[in-house]
Amino acid sequence: MIIIFEKQNISNKIKEKLFKKGLSLIGMSDKEIIFFKLKPYAF
């Protein structure tokens, strides 16, 4: 799952919470921050 946020709407405090939820930062541009999360599947 890929999640894209507008950079101006994300503070450092929110970034820390996203990292704790298991998201990893995969990219940044001037206006966007892109996170990635593996979604576990139940068999």
Protein backbone atom coordinates (compact mmCIF):
# COMPACT_ATOMS: atom_id res chain seq x y z
CA MET A 1 0.00 0.00 0.00
CA ILE A 2 1.39 3.42 -0.96
CA ILE A 3 0.21 6.55 0.86
CA ILE A 4 0.97 10.09 -0.35
CA PHE A 5 0.63 13.15 1.89
CA GLU A 6 1.04 16.83 1.12
CA LYS A 7 4.25 17.92 2.80
CA GLN A 8 2.77 21.14 4.24
CA ASN A 9 0.12 19.14 6.18
CA ILE A 10 2.50 16.72 7.92
CA SER A 11 4.38 17.75 11.06
CA ASN A 12 7.29 15.84 12.62
CA LYS A 13 4.99 14.60 15.38
CA ILE A 14 2.63 13.05 12.83
CA LYS A 15 5.57 11.48 10.95
CA GLU A 16 6.72 9.77 14.16
CA LYS A 17 3.23 8.33 14.71
CA LEU A 18 3.16 7.00 11.13
CA PHE A 19 6.55 5.30 11.63
CA LYS A 20 5.25 3.65 14.81
CA LYS A 21 2.27 2.30 12.84
CA GLY A 22 4.66 0.45 10.53
CA LEU A 23 4.91 2.84 7.60
CA SER A 24 8.27 3.43 5.96
CA LEU A 25 9.28 6.58 4.12
CA ILE A 26 10.13 5.84 0.50
CA GLY A 27 10.24 9.27 -1.09
CA MET A 28 9.98 13.02 -0.71
CA SER A 29 9.49 15.82 -3.18
CA ASP A 30 8.97 19.55 -2.73
CA LYS A 31 5.24 19.09 -2.16
CA GLU A 32 4.70 15.42 -1.23
CA ILE A 33 5.84 12.76 1.21
CA ILE A 34 5.38 9.14 0.13
CA PHE A 35 5.04 6.30 2.63
CA PHE A 36 4.81 2.55 2.03
CA LYS A 37 3.23 -0.13 4.19
CA LEU A 38 3.19 -3.85 3.69
CA LYS A 39 -0.25 -5.20 4.40
CA PRO A 40 -0.10 -8.64 6.04
CA TYR A 41 -2.42 -11.27 4.69
CA ALA A 42 -4.11 -13.88 6.86
CA PHE A 43 -4.07 -17.40 5.42
